[in-house]
Amino acid sequence: MTLMQEIRKAIAKFRKTLYYDEEQGATFFKDHKGEEAPLGTCTCSAGWMAEELGLDRCLILGYLSKNNPKARAGRDEGGHDFLVVDSKVIVDVWLSEWWRGPLITQMSDWKAVRKWYGEPSKWEKAGIYAE
């Protein structure tokens, strides 16, 4: 199976876990432990995808908007965390769902990377990878 096939399979599996809670007025998903996680939290969806694709090949990176003002993703939320797989592809369920941005971005597409995620030198490890 190619990397892109693996990613698309994981995305399809993730989307099957989504549900809307009318009482809370928000969309959630079930994490790998069966616990509820908010779709509106970028770190949570990035973590789900990292666990699904393999923690050894994934890295959650992120930034604060004030430190990376050229980044479009998460600008209104104060920052953003996203998943990089095999140092080749950004997988960003949150960006796709909340901003209608790209679900998958090739790291080699520097124009798209910088448009959505700003300057890579401003990125730091985040989520389960934060030190």
C-alpha atoms as a PDB file:
ATOM      1  CA  MET A   1       0.000   0.000   0.000  1.00  0.00           C
ATOM      2  CA  THR A   2       1.358   3.445  -0.881  1.00  0.00           C
ATOM      3  CA  LEU A   3       1.652   6.272   1.632  1.00  0.00           C
ATOM      4  CA  MET A   4      -1.275   8.106   0.056  1.00  0.00           C
ATOM      5  CA  GLN A   5      -3.434   4.972   0.170  1.00  0.00           C
ATOM      6  CA  GLU A   6      -2.594   4.514   3.852  1.00  0.00           C
ATOM      7  CA  ILE A   7      -3.470   8.130   4.584  1.00  0.00           C
ATOM      8  CA  ARG A   8      -6.771   7.981   2.690  1.00  0.00           C
ATOM      9  CA  LYS A   9      -7.699   4.744   4.509  1.00  0.00           C
ATOM     10  CA  ALA A  10      -6.942   6.366   7.884  1.00  0.00           C
ATOM     11  CA  ILE A  11      -8.972   9.463   6.978  1.00  0.00           C
ATOM     12  CA  ALA A  12     -11.958   7.321   5.983  1.00  0.00           C
ATOM     13  CA  LYS A  13     -11.701   5.430   9.286  1.00  0.00           C
ATOM     14  CA  PHE A  14     -11.456   8.711  11.214  1.00  0.00           C
ATOM     15  CA  ARG A  15     -14.519  10.163   9.519  1.00  0.00           C
ATOM     16  CA  LYS A  16     -16.549   7.103  10.540  1.00  0.00           C
ATOM     17  CA  THR A  17     -15.940   8.036  14.184  1.00  0.00           C
ATOM     18  CA  LEU A  18     -17.368  11.574  13.827  1.00  0.00           C
ATOM     19  CA  TYR A  19     -20.677  12.427  15.446  1.00  0.00           C
ATOM     20  CA  TYR A  20     -22.560  15.578  16.364  1.00  0.00           C
ATOM     21  CA  ASP A  21     -23.683  16.078  19.963  1.00  0.00           C
ATOM     22  CA  GLU A  22     -26.763  18.304  19.916  1.00  0.00           C
ATOM     23  CA  GLU A  23     -26.625  18.947  23.653  1.00  0.00           C
ATOM     24  CA  GLN A  24     -23.069  20.300  23.418  1.00  0.00           C
ATOM     25  CA  GLY A  25     -23.570  21.796  19.967  1.00  0.00           C
ATOM     26  CA  ALA A  26     -20.287  20.388  18.693  1.00  0.00           C
ATOM     27  CA  THR A  27     -18.778  17.587  16.621  1.00  0.00           C
ATOM     28  CA  PHE A  28     -16.707  14.924  18.349  1.00  0.00           C
ATOM     29  CA  PHE A  29     -14.869  11.734  17.482  1.00  0.00           C
ATOM     30  CA  LYS A  30     -13.844   8.649  19.410  1.00  0.00           C
ATOM     31  CA  ASP A  31     -10.134   8.351  20.089  1.00  0.00           C
ATOM     32  CA  HIS A  32      -8.337   5.004  20.000  1.00  0.00           C
ATOM     33  CA  LYS A  33      -9.282   4.377  23.633  1.00  0.00           C
ATOM     34  CA  GLY A  34     -12.967   4.967  22.829  1.00  0.00           C
ATOM     35  CA  GLU A  35     -13.027   8.320  24.594  1.00  0.00           C
ATOM     36  CA  GLU A  36     -14.731  11.418  23.255  1.00  0.00           C
ATOM     37  CA  ALA A  37     -12.499  14.099  21.707  1.00  0.00           C
ATOM     38  CA  PRO A  38     -13.550  17.434  20.161  1.00  0.00           C
ATOM     39  CA  LEU A  39     -13.082  17.842  16.414  1.00  0.00           C
ATOM     40  CA  GLY A  40     -12.554  21.550  17.084  1.00  0.00           C
ATOM     41  CA  THR A  41      -9.212  20.833  18.764  1.00  0.00           C
ATOM     42  CA  CYS A  42      -6.553  20.425  16.079  1.00  0.00           C
ATOM     43  CA  THR A  43      -4.125  18.589  18.375  1.00  0.00           C
ATOM     44  CA  CYS A  44      -6.698  15.861  19.061  1.00  0.00           C
ATOM     45  CA  SER A  45      -7.349  15.008  15.415  1.00  0.00           C
ATOM     46  CA  ALA A  46      -3.618  15.130  14.631  1.00  0.00           C
ATOM     47  CA  GLY A  47      -3.004  12.732  17.523  1.00  0.00           C
ATOM     48  CA  TRP A  48      -5.680  10.323  16.290  1.00  0.00           C
ATOM     49  CA  MET A  49      -4.112  10.235  12.836  1.00  0.00           C
ATOM     50  CA  ALA A  50      -0.614   9.760  14.314  1.00  0.00           C
ATOM     51  CA  GLU A  51      -1.791   6.759  16.330  1.00  0.00           C
ATOM     52  CA  GLU A  52      -3.536   5.296  13.292  1.00  0.00           C
ATOM     53  CA  LEU A  53      -0.602   5.755  10.902  1.00  0.00           C
ATOM     54  CA  GLY A  54       2.120   4.848  13.391  1.00  0.00           C
ATOM     55  CA  LEU A  55       3.724   7.029  16.029  1.00  0.00           C
ATOM     56  CA  ASP A  56       7.211   6.165  14.794  1.00  0.00           C
ATOM     57  CA  ARG A  57       6.604   7.756  11.383  1.00  0.00           C
ATOM     58  CA  CYS A  58       4.561  10.766  12.442  1.00  0.00           C
ATOM     59  CA  LEU A  59       5.265  14.085  14.071  1.00  0.00           C
ATOM     60  CA  ILE A  60       2.785  16.622  15.410  1.00  0.00           C
ATOM     61  CA  LEU A  61       4.076  20.120  14.843  1.00  0.00           C
ATOM     62  CA  GLY A  62       2.515  23.443  15.682  1.00  0.00           C
ATOM     63  CA  TYR A  63       2.923  27.139  16.297  1.00  0.00           C
ATOM     64  CA  LEU A  64       1.360  30.097  18.024  1.00  0.00           C
ATOM     65  CA  SER A  65      -0.089  32.651  15.606  1.00  0.00           C
ATOM     66  CA  LYS A  66       1.790  35.503  17.267  1.00  0.00           C
ATOM     67  CA  ASN A  67       5.084  33.695  16.516  1.00  0.00           C
ATOM     68  CA  ASN A  68       4.120  32.711  12.961  1.00  0.00           C
ATOM     69  CA  PRO A  69       1.990  35.590  11.619  1.00  0.00           C
ATOM     70  CA  LYS A  70       2.216  34.485   7.975  1.00  0.00           C
ATOM     71  CA  ALA A  71       0.374  31.221   8.721  1.00  0.00           C
ATOM     72  CA  ARG A  72      -3.258  31.165   7.679  1.00  0.00           C
ATOM     73  CA  ALA A  73      -4.280  27.967   9.533  1.00  0.00           C
ATOM     74  CA  GLY A  74      -5.281  28.674  13.119  1.00  0.00           C
ATOM     75  CA  ARG A  75      -4.835  32.420  12.748  1.00  0.00           C
ATOM     76  CA  ASP A  76      -8.158  33.172  14.452  1.00  0.00           C
ATOM     77  CA  GLU A  77      -7.674  30.468  17.070  1.00  0.00           C
ATOM     78  CA  GLY A  78      -4.286  31.671  18.299  1.00  0.00           C
ATOM     79  CA  GLY A  79      -2.272  28.835  16.748  1.00  0.00           C
ATOM     80  CA  HIS A  80      -2.428  25.452  15.141  1.00  0.00           C
ATOM     81  CA  ASP A  81      -1.070  21.884  15.420  1.00  0.00           C
ATOM     82  CA  PHE A  82      -0.890  19.492  12.474  1.00  0.00           C
ATOM     83  CA  LEU A  83       0.527  16.105  11.501  1.00  0.00           C
ATOM     84  CA  VAL A  84       3.547  15.387   9.303  1.00  0.00           C
ATOM     85  CA  VAL A  85       3.875  11.802   8.036  1.00  0.00           C
ATOM     86  CA  ASP A  86       7.217  10.371   6.899  1.00  0.00           C
ATOM     87  CA  SER A  87       8.551  13.950   6.614  1.00  0.00           C
ATOM     88  CA  LYS A  88       6.713  14.083   3.264  1.00  0.00           C
ATOM     89  CA  VAL A  89       3.057  14.890   3.807  1.00  0.00           C
ATOM     90  CA  ILE A  90       0.997  17.131   6.072  1.00  0.00           C
ATOM     91  CA  VAL A  91      -2.328  15.543   7.042  1.00  0.00           C
ATOM     92  CA  ASP A  92      -4.683  18.070   8.575  1.00  0.00           C
ATOM     93  CA  VAL A  93      -8.239  16.929   9.273  1.00  0.00           C
ATOM     94  CA  TRP A  94      -8.933  20.020  11.382  1.00  0.00           C
ATOM     95  CA  LEU A  95      -7.878  22.422   8.617  1.00  0.00           C
ATOM     96  CA  SER A  96     -10.062  20.591   6.126  1.00  0.00           C
ATOM     97  CA  GLU A  97     -13.130  20.527   8.387  1.00  0.00           C
ATOM     98  CA  TRP A  98     -12.882  23.994   9.981  1.00  0.00           C
ATOM     99  CA  TRP A  99     -11.253  26.145   7.312  1.00  0.00           C
ATOM    100  CA  ARG A 100     -12.067  24.110   4.186  1.00  0.00           C
ATOM    101  CA  GLY A 101      -8.329  24.024   3.573  1.00  0.00           C
ATOM    102  CA  PRO A 102      -6.379  21.114   2.147  1.00  0.00           C
ATOM    103  CA  LEU A 103      -6.671  17.767   3.879  1.00  0.00           C
ATOM    104  CA  ILE A 104      -3.335  16.602   2.502  1.00  0.00           C
ATOM    105  CA  THR A 105      -0.407  18.834   1.553  1.00  0.00           C
ATOM    106  CA  GLN A 106       2.870  17.599   0.109  1.00  0.00           C
ATOM    107  CA  MET A 107       5.829  19.034   2.027  1.00  0.00           C
ATOM    108  CA  SER A 108       7.471  19.600  -1.353  1.00  0.00           C
ATOM    109  CA  ASP A 109       4.712  22.083  -2.261  1.00  0.00           C
ATOM    110  CA  TRP A 110       6.356  25.009  -0.477  1.00  0.00           C
ATOM    111  CA  LYS A 111       3.832  27.530  -1.779  1.00  0.00           C
ATOM    112  CA  ALA A 112       0.907  25.672  -0.168  1.00  0.00           C
ATOM    113  CA  VAL A 113       2.907  24.835   2.971  1.00  0.00           C
ATOM    114  CA  ARG A 114       3.826  28.471   3.556  1.00  0.00           C
ATOM    115  CA  LYS A 115       0.323  29.710   2.677  1.00  0.00           C
ATOM    116  CA  TRP A 116      -1.348  27.561   5.319  1.00  0.00           C
ATOM    117  CA  TYR A 117       1.400  26.901   7.872  1.00  0.00           C
ATOM    118  CA  GLY A 118       3.712  29.898   7.553  1.00  0.00           C
ATOM    119  CA  GLU A 119       7.437  29.600   8.125  1.00  0.00           C
ATOM    120  CA  PRO A 120       8.662  26.072   8.984  1.00  0.00           C
ATOM    121  CA  SER A 121      11.363  27.595  11.200  1.00  0.00           C
ATOM    122  CA  LYS A 122       8.517  28.710  13.504  1.00  0.00           C
ATOM    123  CA  TRP A 123       7.133  25.186  13.984  1.00  0.00           C
ATOM    124  CA  GLU A 124       7.682  23.281  17.226  1.00  0.00           C
ATOM    125  CA  LYS A 125       6.897  19.743  18.363  1.00  0.00           C
ATOM    126  CA  ALA A 126       3.397  19.567  19.811  1.00  0.00           C
ATOM    127  CA  GLY A 127       0.887  17.187  21.341  1.00  0.00           C
ATOM    128  CA  ILE A 128       2.324  13.812  22.318  1.00  0.00           C
ATOM    129  CA  TYR A 129       5.649  14.802  20.759  1.00  0.00           C
ATOM    130  CA  ALA A 130       6.156  18.011  22.754  1.00  0.00           C
ATOM    131  CA  GLU A 131       9.246  17.901  24.914  1.00  0.00           C
END
